[in-house]
Amino acid sequence: MHILAAVRTGLLETPVPTPTVKPEDVTPGPYGFLIVALLAVVVVLLAIDMLRRIRRVKYRAEVQEMLDAEEAAASESDAGADGAPAADAEPNETGPTDPR
């Protein structure tokens, strides 16, 4: 019986902690919100710029492949029926070319 009385009184009395810090001092406030909002805008703009640059590199690679295929087709057509390259055919370049 003694245990039941202790449990009953323990359930009735719940301690409530007193706050030691003012809630206004620990919230970010308007300056914190502005900084977070500014960071979010900057991240979105950087993502858009990154996607644009990746797309540009992809298109340049596709154009370079098309130009290489055209050069290969032109060099094959310049080669005579005997398979020897024509005298006025330019040798293939060994380095990468920039389509700018």
PDB file of N, CA and C in Angstrom:
ATOM      1  N   MET A   1       0.795  -1.180   0.000  1.00  0.00           N
ATOM      2  CA  MET A   1       0.000   0.000   0.000  1.00  0.00           C
ATOM      3  C   MET A   1       0.848   1.259   0.000  1.00  0.00           C
ATOM      4  N   HIS A   2       1.940   1.177   0.702  1.00  0.00           N
ATOM      5  CA  HIS A   2       2.829   2.321   0.790  1.00  0.00           C
ATOM      6  C   HIS A   2       3.382   2.696  -0.597  1.00  0.00           C
ATOM      7  N   ILE A   3       3.652   1.711  -1.438  1.00  0.00           N
ATOM      8  CA  ILE A   3       4.192   1.956  -2.786  1.00  0.00           C
ATOM      9  C   ILE A   3       3.153   2.651  -3.661  1.00  0.00           C
ATOM     10  N   LEU A   4       1.899   2.238  -3.550  1.00  0.00           N
ATOM     11  CA  LEU A   4       0.832   2.858  -4.334  1.00  0.00           C
ATOM     12  C   LEU A   4       0.637   4.317  -3.954  1.00  0.00           C
ATOM     13  N   ALA A   5       0.788   4.654  -2.708  1.00  0.00           N
ATOM     14  CA  ALA A   5       0.644   6.037  -2.263  1.00  0.00           C
ATOM     15  C   ALA A   5       1.793   6.877  -2.805  1.00  0.00           C
ATOM     16  N   ALA A   6       2.980   6.324  -2.864  1.00  0.00           N
ATOM     17  CA  ALA A   6       4.139   7.062  -3.388  1.00  0.00           C
ATOM     18  C   ALA A   6       3.999   7.290  -4.886  1.00  0.00           C
ATOM     19  N   VAL A   7       3.512   6.283  -5.587  1.00  0.00           N
ATOM     20  CA  VAL A   7       3.319   6.430  -7.034  1.00  0.00           C
ATOM     21  C   VAL A   7       2.236   7.454  -7.314  1.00  0.00           C
ATOM     22  N   ARG A   8       1.160   7.424  -6.551  1.00  0.00           N
ATOM     23  CA  ARG A   8       0.068   8.364  -6.752  1.00  0.00           C
ATOM     24  C   ARG A   8       0.521   9.802  -6.504  1.00  0.00           C
ATOM     25  N   THR A   9       1.261  10.054  -5.474  1.00  0.00           N
ATOM     26  CA  THR A   9       1.738  11.410  -5.203  1.00  0.00           C
ATOM     27  C   THR A   9       2.796  11.832  -6.209  1.00  0.00           C
ATOM     28  N   GLY A  10       3.578  10.870  -6.717  1.00  0.00           N
ATOM     29  CA  GLY A  10       4.585  11.189  -7.729  1.00  0.00           C
ATOM     30  C   GLY A  10       3.963  11.576  -9.057  1.00  0.00           C
ATOM     31  N   LEU A  11       2.834  11.000  -9.369  1.00  0.00           N
ATOM     32  CA  LEU A  11       2.157  11.333 -10.614  1.00  0.00           C
ATOM     33  C   LEU A  11       1.455  12.675 -10.537  1.00  0.00           C
ATOM     34  N   LEU A  12       1.059  13.047  -9.362  1.00  0.00           N
ATOM     35  CA  LEU A  12       0.358  14.310  -9.221  1.00  0.00           C
ATOM     36  C   LEU A  12       1.308  15.499  -9.228  1.00  0.00           C
ATOM     37  N   GLU A  13       2.475  15.326  -8.688  1.00  0.00           N
ATOM     38  CA  GLU A  13       3.417  16.441  -8.587  1.00  0.00           C
ATOM     39  C   GLU A  13       4.482  16.315  -9.680  1.00  0.00           C
ATOM     40  N   THR A  14       4.328  17.051 -10.746  1.00  0.00           N
ATOM     41  CA  THR A  14       5.345  17.042 -11.806  1.00  0.00           C
ATOM     42  C   THR A  14       6.093  18.361 -11.746  1.00  0.00           C
ATOM     43  N   PRO A  15       7.381  18.295 -11.635  1.00  0.00           N
ATOM     44  CA  PRO A  15       8.149  19.544 -11.551  1.00  0.00           C
ATOM     45  C   PRO A  15       8.170  20.257 -12.910  1.00  0.00           C
ATOM     46  N   VAL A  16       8.072  21.550 -12.871  1.00  0.00           N
ATOM     47  CA  VAL A  16       8.119  22.374 -14.077  1.00  0.00           C
ATOM     48  C   VAL A  16       9.396  23.205 -14.019  1.00  0.00           C
ATOM     49  N   PRO A  17      10.284  23.034 -14.988  1.00  0.00           N
ATOM     50  CA  PRO A  17      11.523  23.812 -14.941  1.00  0.00           C
ATOM     51  C   PRO A  17      11.257  25.280 -15.271  1.00  0.00           C
ATOM     52  N   THR A  18      12.015  26.119 -14.603  1.00  0.00           N
ATOM     53  CA  THR A  18      11.878  27.553 -14.874  1.00  0.00           C
ATOM     54  C   THR A  18      12.882  27.937 -15.956  1.00  0.00           C
ATOM     55  N   PRO A  19      12.459  28.715 -16.939  1.00  0.00           N
ATOM     56  CA  PRO A  19      13.398  29.104 -18.001  1.00  0.00           C
ATOM     57  C   PRO A  19      14.458  30.052 -17.450  1.00  0.00           C
ATOM     58  N   THR A  20      15.702  29.828 -17.858  1.00  0.00           N
ATOM     59  CA  THR A  20      16.810  30.667 -17.397  1.00  0.00           C
ATOM     60  C   THR A  20      17.266  31.652 -18.467  1.00  0.00           C
ATOM     61  N   VAL A  21      16.814  31.426 -19.703  1.00  0.00           N
ATOM     62  CA  VAL A  21      17.208  32.300 -20.808  1.00  0.00           C
ATOM     63  C   VAL A  21      15.944  32.852 -21.450  1.00  0.00           C
ATOM     64  N   LYS A  22      15.994  34.120 -21.848  1.00  0.00           N
ATOM     65  CA  LYS A  22      14.845  34.707 -22.524  1.00  0.00           C
ATOM     66  C   LYS A  22      14.703  34.093 -23.926  1.00  0.00           C
ATOM     67  N   PRO A  23      13.516  33.710 -24.353  1.00  0.00           N
ATOM     68  CA  PRO A  23      13.329  33.116 -25.692  1.00  0.00           C
ATOM     69  C   PRO A  23      13.731  34.064 -26.822  1.00  0.00           C
ATOM     70  N   GLU A  24      13.651  35.350 -26.614  1.00  0.00           N
ATOM     71  CA  GLU A  24      14.035  36.313 -27.649  1.00  0.00           C
ATOM     72  C   GLU A  24      15.541  36.297 -27.925  1.00  0.00           C
ATOM     73  N   ASP A  25      16.318  35.871 -26.918  1.00  0.00           N
ATOM     74  CA  ASP A  25      17.771  35.857 -27.076  1.00  0.00           C
ATOM     75  C   ASP A  25      18.271  34.649 -27.861  1.00  0.00           C
ATOM     76  N   VAL A  26      17.496  33.579 -27.943  1.00  0.00           N
ATOM     77  CA  VAL A  26      17.968  32.365 -28.595  1.00  0.00           C
ATOM     78  C   VAL A  26      17.316  32.126 -29.957  1.00  0.00           C
ATOM     79  N   THR A  27      16.412  32.975 -30.390  1.00  0.00           N
ATOM     80  CA  THR A  27      15.809  32.831 -31.712  1.00  0.00           C
ATOM     81  C   THR A  27      16.625  33.612 -32.722  1.00  0.00           C
ATOM     82  N   PRO A  28      16.620  33.189 -34.007  1.00  0.00           N
ATOM     83  CA  PRO A  28      17.444  33.870 -34.999  1.00  0.00           C
ATOM     84  C   PRO A  28      16.963  35.279 -35.314  1.00  0.00           C
ATOM     85  N   GLY A  29      15.692  35.531 -35.213  1.00  0.00           N
ATOM     86  CA  GLY A  29      15.180  36.865 -35.474  1.00  0.00           C
ATOM     87  C   GLY A  29      15.180  37.190 -36.956  1.00  0.00           C
ATOM     88  N   PRO A  30      14.907  38.450 -37.282  1.00  0.00           N
ATOM     89  CA  PRO A  30      14.804  38.838 -38.696  1.00  0.00           C
ATOM     90  C   PRO A  30      16.148  38.780 -39.439  1.00  0.00           C
ATOM     91  N   TYR A  31      17.233  39.055 -38.740  1.00  0.00           N
ATOM     92  CA  TYR A  31      18.543  39.008 -39.409  1.00  0.00           C
ATOM     93  C   TYR A  31      18.906  37.571 -39.795  1.00  0.00           C
ATOM     94  N   GLY A  32      18.627  36.639 -38.922  1.00  0.00           N
ATOM     95  CA  GLY A  32      18.874  35.234 -39.237  1.00  0.00           C
ATOM     96  C   GLY A  32      18.028  34.767 -40.400  1.00  0.00           C
ATOM     97  N   PHE A  33      16.767  35.188 -40.429  1.00  0.00           N
ATOM     98  CA  PHE A  33      15.902  34.822 -41.547  1.00  0.00           C
ATOM     99  C   PHE A  33      16.430  35.402 -42.856  1.00  0.00           C
ATOM    100  N   LEU A  34      16.851  36.648 -42.842  1.00  0.00           N
ATOM    101  CA  LEU A  34      17.368  37.265 -44.067  1.00  0.00           C
ATOM    102  C   LEU A  34      18.632  36.560 -44.562  1.00  0.00           C
ATOM    103  N   ILE A  35      19.495  36.169 -43.655  1.00  0.00           N
ATOM    104  CA  ILE A  35      20.721  35.476 -44.054  1.00  0.00           C
ATOM    105  C   ILE A  35      20.396  34.115 -44.659  1.00  0.00           C
ATOM    106  N   VAL A  36      19.486  33.372 -44.053  1.00  0.00           N
ATOM    107  CA  VAL A  36      19.105  32.058 -44.580  1.00  0.00           C
ATOM    108  C   VAL A  36      18.412  32.219 -45.936  1.00  0.00           C
ATOM    109  N   ALA A  37      17.531  33.203 -46.070  1.00  0.00           N
ATOM    110  CA  ALA A  37      16.847  33.442 -47.339  1.00  0.00           C
ATOM    111  C   ALA A  37      17.854  33.832 -48.424  1.00  0.00           C
ATOM    112  N   LEU A  38      18.821  34.663 -48.078  1.00  0.00           N
ATOM    113  CA  LEU A  38      19.843  35.063 -49.045  1.00  0.00           C
ATOM    114  C   LEU A  38      20.680  33.864 -49.477  1.00  0.00           C
ATOM    115  N   LEU A  39      21.055  33.016 -48.540  1.00  0.00           N
ATOM    116  CA  LEU A  39      21.804  31.807 -48.886  1.00  0.00           C
ATOM    117  C   LEU A  39      20.993  30.889 -49.799  1.00  0.00           C
ATOM    118  N   ALA A  40      19.697  30.767 -49.555  1.00  0.00           N
ATOM    119  CA  ALA A  40      18.846  29.931 -50.407  1.00  0.00           C
ATOM    120  C   ALA A  40      18.788  30.485 -51.825  1.00  0.00           C
ATOM    121  N   VAL A  41      18.663  31.790 -51.960  1.00  0.00           N
ATOM    122  CA  VAL A  41      18.631  32.414 -53.290  1.00  0.00           C
ATOM    123  C   VAL A  41      19.964  32.204 -54.003  1.00  0.00           C
ATOM    124  N   VAL A  42      21.065  32.358 -53.302  1.00  0.00           N
ATOM    125  CA  VAL A  42      22.391  32.169 -53.905  1.00  0.00           C
ATOM    126  C   VAL A  42      22.573  30.729 -54.364  1.00  0.00           C
ATOM    127  N   VAL A  43      22.135  29.771 -53.574  1.00  0.00           N
ATOM    128  CA  VAL A  43      22.266  28.359 -53.945  1.00  0.00           C
ATOM    129  C   VAL A  43      21.435  28.061 -55.193  1.00  0.00           C
ATOM    130  N   VAL A  44      20.228  28.601 -55.279  1.00  0.00           N
ATOM    131  CA  VAL A  44      19.384  28.382 -56.462  1.00  0.00           C
ATOM    132  C   VAL A  44      20.043  28.998 -57.691  1.00  0.00           C
ATOM    133  N   LEU A  45      20.568  30.204 -57.570  1.00  0.00           N
ATOM    134  CA  LEU A  45      21.229  30.845 -58.716  1.00  0.00           C
ATOM    135  C   LEU A  45      22.476  30.078 -59.146  1.00  0.00           C
ATOM    136  N   LEU A  46      23.241  29.581 -58.188  1.00  0.00           N
ATOM    137  CA  LEU A  46      24.421  28.778 -58.541  1.00  0.00           C
ATOM    138  C   LEU A  46      24.030  27.473 -59.235  1.00  0.00           C
ATOM    139  N   ALA A  47      22.952  26.860 -58.805  1.00  0.00           N
ATOM    140  CA  ALA A  47      22.487  25.623 -59.443  1.00  0.00           C
ATOM    141  C   ALA A  47      22.048  25.892 -60.880  1.00  0.00           C
ATOM    142  N   ILE A  48      21.344  26.988 -61.108  1.00  0.00           N
ATOM    143  CA  ILE A  48      20.916  27.339 -62.464  1.00  0.00           C
ATOM    144  C   ILE A  48      22.125  27.596 -63.344  1.00  0.00           C
ATOM    145  N   ASP A  49      23.116  28.320 -62.839  1.00  0.00           N
ATOM    146  CA  ASP A  49      24.325  28.597 -63.608  1.00  0.00           C
ATOM    147  C   ASP A  49      25.096  27.314 -63.910  1.00  0.00           C
ATOM    148  N   MET A  50      25.181  26.416 -62.930  1.00  0.00           N
ATOM    149  CA  MET A  50      25.890  25.155 -63.140  1.00  0.00           C
ATOM    150  C   MET A  50      25.207  24.325 -64.226  1.00  0.00           C
ATOM    151  N   LEU A  51      23.881  24.242 -64.177  1.00  0.00           N
ATOM    152  CA  LEU A  51      23.151  23.487 -65.193  1.00  0.00           C
ATOM    153  C   LEU A  51      23.354  24.085 -66.582  1.00  0.00           C
ATOM    154  N   ARG A  52      23.373  25.402 -66.675  1.00  0.00           N
ATOM    155  CA  ARG A  52      23.602  26.069 -67.960  1.00  0.00           C
ATOM    156  C   ARG A  52      24.985  25.743 -68.502  1.00  0.00           C
ATOM    157  N   ARG A  53      25.976  25.754 -67.637  1.00  0.00           N
ATOM    158  CA  ARG A  53      27.337  25.446 -68.084  1.00  0.00           C
ATOM    159  C   ARG A  53      27.487  23.982 -68.498  1.00  0.00           C
ATOM    160  N   ILE A  54      26.858  23.079 -67.752  1.00  0.00           N
ATOM    161  CA  ILE A  54      26.920  21.658 -68.102  1.00  0.00           C
ATOM    162  C   ILE A  54      26.250  21.430 -69.456  1.00  0.00           C
ATOM    163  N   ARG A  55      25.110  22.075 -69.678  1.00  0.00           N
ATOM    164  CA  ARG A  55      24.405  21.941 -70.952  1.00  0.00           C
ATOM    165  C   ARG A  55      25.263  22.475 -72.102  1.00  0.00           C
ATOM    166  N   ARG A  56      25.949  23.587 -71.868  1.00  0.00           N
ATOM    167  CA  ARG A  56      26.801  24.170 -72.901  1.00  0.00           C
ATOM    168  C   ARG A  56      27.951  23.221 -73.263  1.00  0.00           C
ATOM    169  N   VAL A  57      28.563  22.612 -72.261  1.00  0.00           N
ATOM    170  CA  VAL A  57      29.658  21.664 -72.521  1.00  0.00           C
ATOM    171  C   VAL A  57      29.137  20.462 -73.295  1.00  0.00           C
ATOM    172  N   LYS A  58      27.949  19.996 -72.940  1.00  0.00           N
ATOM    173  CA  LYS A  58      27.351  18.852 -73.628  1.00  0.00           C
ATOM    174  C   LYS A  58      27.105  19.179 -75.096  1.00  0.00           C
ATOM    175  N   TYR A  59      26.547  20.359 -75.377  1.00  0.00           N
ATOM    176  CA  TYR A  59      26.287  20.751 -76.768  1.00  0.00           C
ATOM    177  C   TYR A  59      27.588  20.910 -77.549  1.00  0.00           C
ATOM    178  N   ARG A  60      28.599  21.462 -76.911  1.00  0.00           N
ATOM    179  CA  ARG A  60      29.886  21.600 -77.606  1.00  0.00           C
ATOM    180  C   ARG A  60      30.483  20.247 -77.948  1.00  0.00           C
ATOM    181  N   ALA A  61      30.343  19.279 -77.054  1.00  0.00           N
ATOM    182  CA  ALA A  61      30.852  17.935 -77.325  1.00  0.00           C
ATOM    183  C   ALA A  61      30.093  17.306 -78.490  1.00  0.00           C
ATOM    184  N   GLU A  62      28.773  17.516 -78.535  1.00  0.00           N
ATOM    185  CA  GLU A  62      27.982  16.973 -79.646  1.00  0.00           C
ATOM    186  C   GLU A  62      28.393  17.601 -80.969  1.00  0.00           C
ATOM    187  N   VAL A  63      28.608  18.913 -80.979  1.00  0.00           N
ATOM    188  CA  VAL A  63      29.033  19.595 -82.203  1.00  0.00           C
ATOM    189  C   VAL A  63      30.410  19.109 -82.618  1.00  0.00           C
ATOM    190  N   GLN A  64      31.294  18.917 -81.653  1.00  0.00           N
ATOM    191  CA  GLN A  64      32.642  18.423 -81.969  1.00  0.00           C
ATOM    192  C   GLN A  64      32.575  17.028 -82.579  1.00  0.00           C
ATOM    193  N   GLU A  65      31.715  16.165 -82.054  1.00  0.00           N
ATOM    194  CA  GLU A  65      31.558  14.830 -82.618  1.00  0.00           C
ATOM    195  C   GLU A  65      31.023  14.897 -84.045  1.00  0.00           C
ATOM    196  N   MET A  66      30.069  15.799 -84.286  1.00  0.00           N
ATOM    197  CA  MET A  66      29.529  15.937 -85.644  1.00  0.00           C
ATOM    198  C   MET A  66      30.605  16.425 -86.609  1.00  0.00           C
ATOM    199  N   LEU A  67      31.418  17.389 -86.166  1.00  0.00           N
ATOM    200  CA  LEU A  67      32.489  17.897 -87.026  1.00  0.00           C
ATOM    201  C   LEU A  67      33.522  16.809 -87.308  1.00  0.00           C
ATOM    202  N   ASP A  68      33.859  16.024 -86.301  1.00  0.00           N
ATOM    203  CA  ASP A  68      34.807  14.927 -86.504  1.00  0.00           C
ATOM    204  C   ASP A  68      34.250  13.899 -87.479  1.00  0.00           C
ATOM    205  N   ALA A  69      32.956  13.603 -87.360  1.00  0.00           N
ATOM    206  CA  ALA A  69      32.337  12.640 -88.278  1.00  0.00           C
ATOM    207  C   ALA A  69      32.335  13.184 -89.704  1.00  0.00           C
ATOM    208  N   GLU A  70      32.069  14.483 -89.858  1.00  0.00           N
ATOM    209  CA  GLU A  70      32.088  15.088 -91.194  1.00  0.00           C
ATOM    210  C   GLU A  70      33.495  15.061 -91.782  1.00  0.00           C
ATOM    211  N   GLU A  71      34.500  15.345 -90.959  1.00  0.00           N
ATOM    212  CA  GLU A  71      35.882  15.302 -91.447  1.00  0.00           C
ATOM    213  C   GLU A  71      36.274  13.886 -91.846  1.00  0.00           C
ATOM    214  N   ALA A  72      35.850  12.906 -91.059  1.00  0.00           N
ATOM    215  CA  ALA A  72      36.165  11.516 -91.395  1.00  0.00           C
ATOM    216  C   ALA A  72      35.477  11.112 -92.688  1.00  0.00           C
ATOM    217  N   ALA A  73      34.235  11.536 -92.883  1.00  0.00           N
ATOM    218  CA  ALA A  73      33.519  11.213 -94.119  1.00  0.00           C
ATOM    219  C   ALA A  73      34.160  11.916 -95.301  1.00  0.00           C
ATOM    220  N   ALA A  74      34.590  13.151 -95.107  1.00  0.00           N
ATOM    221  CA  ALA A  74      35.221  13.890 -96.193  1.00  0.00           C
ATOM    222  C   ALA A  74      36.565  13.262 -96.551  1.00  0.00           C
ATOM    223  N   SER A  75      37.322  12.813 -95.569  1.00  0.00           N
ATOM    224  CA  SER A  75      38.624  12.207 -95.877  1.00  0.00           C
ATOM    225  C   SER A  75      38.440  10.856 -96.569  1.00  0.00           C
ATOM    226  N   GLU A  76      37.366  10.132 -96.215  1.00  0.00           N
ATOM    227  CA  GLU A  76      37.087   8.868 -96.896  1.00  0.00           C
ATOM    228  C   GLU A  76      36.653   9.111 -98.332  1.00  0.00           C
ATOM    229  N   SER A  77      35.886  10.162 -98.564  1.00  0.00           N
ATOM    230  CA  SER A  77      35.435  10.444 -99.928  1.00  0.00           C
ATOM    231  C   SER A  77      36.575  11.000-100.772  1.00  0.00           C
ATOM    232  N   ASP A  78      37.536  11.683-100.138  1.00  0.00           N
ATOM    233  CA  ASP A  78      38.691  12.198-100.873  1.00  0.00           C
ATOM    234  C   ASP A  78      39.642  11.076-101.263  1.00  0.00           C
ATOM    235  N   ALA A  79      39.612  10.004-100.514  1.00  0.00           N
ATOM    236  CA  ALA A  79      40.486   8.879-100.853  1.00  0.00           C
ATOM    237  C   ALA A  79      40.001   8.291-102.176  1.00  0.00           C
ATOM    238  N   GLY A  80      40.922   7.960-102.991  1.00  0.00           N
ATOM    239  CA  GLY A  80      40.573   7.435-104.320  1.00  0.00           C
ATOM    240  C   GLY A  80      39.978   6.046-104.218  1.00  0.00           C
ATOM    241  N   ALA A  81      39.605   5.511-105.342  1.00  0.00           N
ATOM    242  CA  ALA A  81      39.027   4.177-105.389  1.00  0.00           C
ATOM    243  C   ALA A  81      40.051   3.127-104.975  1.00  0.00           C
ATOM    244  N   ASP A  82      41.352   3.450-105.138  1.00  0.00           N
ATOM    245  CA  ASP A  82      42.387   2.489-104.754  1.00  0.00           C
ATOM    246  C   ASP A  82      42.713   2.530-103.261  1.00  0.00           C
ATOM    247  N   GLY A  83      42.084   3.469-102.515  1.00  0.00           N
ATOM    248  CA  GLY A  83      42.294   3.526-101.075  1.00  0.00           C
ATOM    249  C   GLY A  83      43.429   4.444-100.671  1.00  0.00           C
ATOM    250  N   ALA A  84      44.141   5.031-101.620  1.00  0.00           N
ATOM    251  CA  ALA A  84      45.223   5.949-101.289  1.00  0.00           C
ATOM    252  C   ALA A  84      44.638   7.336-101.063  1.00  0.00           C
ATOM    253  N   PRO A  85      45.141   8.072-100.110  1.00  0.00           N
ATOM    254  CA  PRO A  85      44.614   9.416 -99.879  1.00  0.00           C
ATOM    255  C   PRO A  85      44.968  10.335-101.044  1.00  0.00           C
ATOM    256  N   ALA A  86      44.084  11.295-101.279  1.00  0.00           N
ATOM    257  CA  ALA A  86      44.325  12.240-102.365  1.00  0.00           C
ATOM    258  C   ALA A  86      45.511  13.119-102.018  1.00  0.00           C
ATOM    259  N   ALA A  87      46.153  13.689-103.048  1.00  0.00           N
ATOM    260  CA  ALA A  87      47.354  14.488-102.841  1.00  0.00           C
ATOM    261  C   ALA A  87      47.041  15.786-102.109  1.00  0.00           C
ATOM    262  N   ASP A  88      45.850  16.339-102.315  1.00  0.00           N
ATOM    263  CA  ASP A  88      45.519  17.611-101.674  1.00  0.00           C
ATOM    264  C   ASP A  88      44.810  17.423-100.331  1.00  0.00           C
ATOM    265  N   ALA A  89      44.652  16.211 -99.845  1.00  0.00           N
ATOM    266  CA  ALA A  89      43.996  15.954 -98.561  1.00  0.00           C
ATOM    267  C   ALA A  89      44.911  16.374 -97.418  1.00  0.00           C
ATOM    268  N   GLU A  90      44.317  17.033 -96.437  1.00  0.00           N
ATOM    269  CA  GLU A  90      45.093  17.476 -95.274  1.00  0.00           C
ATOM    270  C   GLU A  90      45.230  16.315 -94.293  1.00  0.00           C
ATOM    271  N   PRO A  91      46.378  16.201 -93.632  1.00  0.00           N
ATOM    272  CA  PRO A  91      46.519  15.140 -92.622  1.00  0.00           C
ATOM    273  C   PRO A  91      45.618  15.439 -91.431  1.00  0.00           C
ATOM    274  N   ASN A  92      45.179  14.396 -90.745  1.00  0.00           N
ATOM    275  CA  ASN A  92      44.325  14.574 -89.560  1.00  0.00           C
ATOM    276  C   ASN A  92      45.120  15.246 -88.446  1.00  0.00           C
ATOM    277  N   GLU A  93      44.446  16.140 -87.752  1.00  0.00           N
ATOM    278  CA  GLU A  93      45.089  16.801 -86.626  1.00  0.00           C
ATOM    279  C   GLU A  93      45.125  15.823 -85.447  1.00  0.00           C
ATOM    280  N   THR A  94      46.200  15.880 -84.680  1.00  0.00           N
ATOM    281  CA  THR A  94      46.313  14.975 -83.538  1.00  0.00           C
ATOM    282  C   THR A  94      45.775  15.582 -82.259  1.00  0.00           C
ATOM    283  N   GLY A  95      45.685  16.891 -82.164  1.00  0.00           N
ATOM    284  CA  GLY A  95      45.238  17.544 -80.944  1.00  0.00           C
ATOM    285  C   GLY A  95      43.756  17.865 -80.985  1.00  0.00           C
ATOM    286  N   PRO A  96      43.179  18.190 -79.833  1.00  0.00           N
ATOM    287  CA  PRO A  96      41.763  18.551 -79.801  1.00  0.00           C
ATOM    288  C   PRO A  96      41.543  19.904 -80.464  1.00  0.00           C
ATOM    289  N   THR A  97      40.406  20.071 -81.058  1.00  0.00           N
ATOM    290  CA  THR A  97      40.090  21.339 -81.698  1.00  0.00           C
ATOM    291  C   THR A  97      38.969  22.012 -80.931  1.00  0.00           C
ATOM    292  N   ASP A  98      38.968  23.310 -80.947  1.00  0.00           N
ATOM    293  CA  ASP A  98      37.952  24.103 -80.251  1.00  0.00           C
ATOM    294  C   ASP A  98      37.003  24.683 -81.288  1.00  0.00           C
ATOM    295  N   PRO A  99      35.699  24.403 -81.218  1.00  0.00           N
ATOM    296  CA  PRO A  99      34.786  24.866 -82.275  1.00  0.00           C
ATOM    297  C   PRO A  99      34.393  26.322 -82.154  1.00  0.00           C
ATOM    298  N   ARG A 100      35.097  27.098 -81.403  1.00  0.00           N
ATOM    299  CA  ARG A 100      34.744  28.518 -81.255  1.00  0.00           C
ATOM    300  C   ARG A 100      35.009  29.243 -82.485  1.00  0.00           C
TER     301      ARG A 100
END
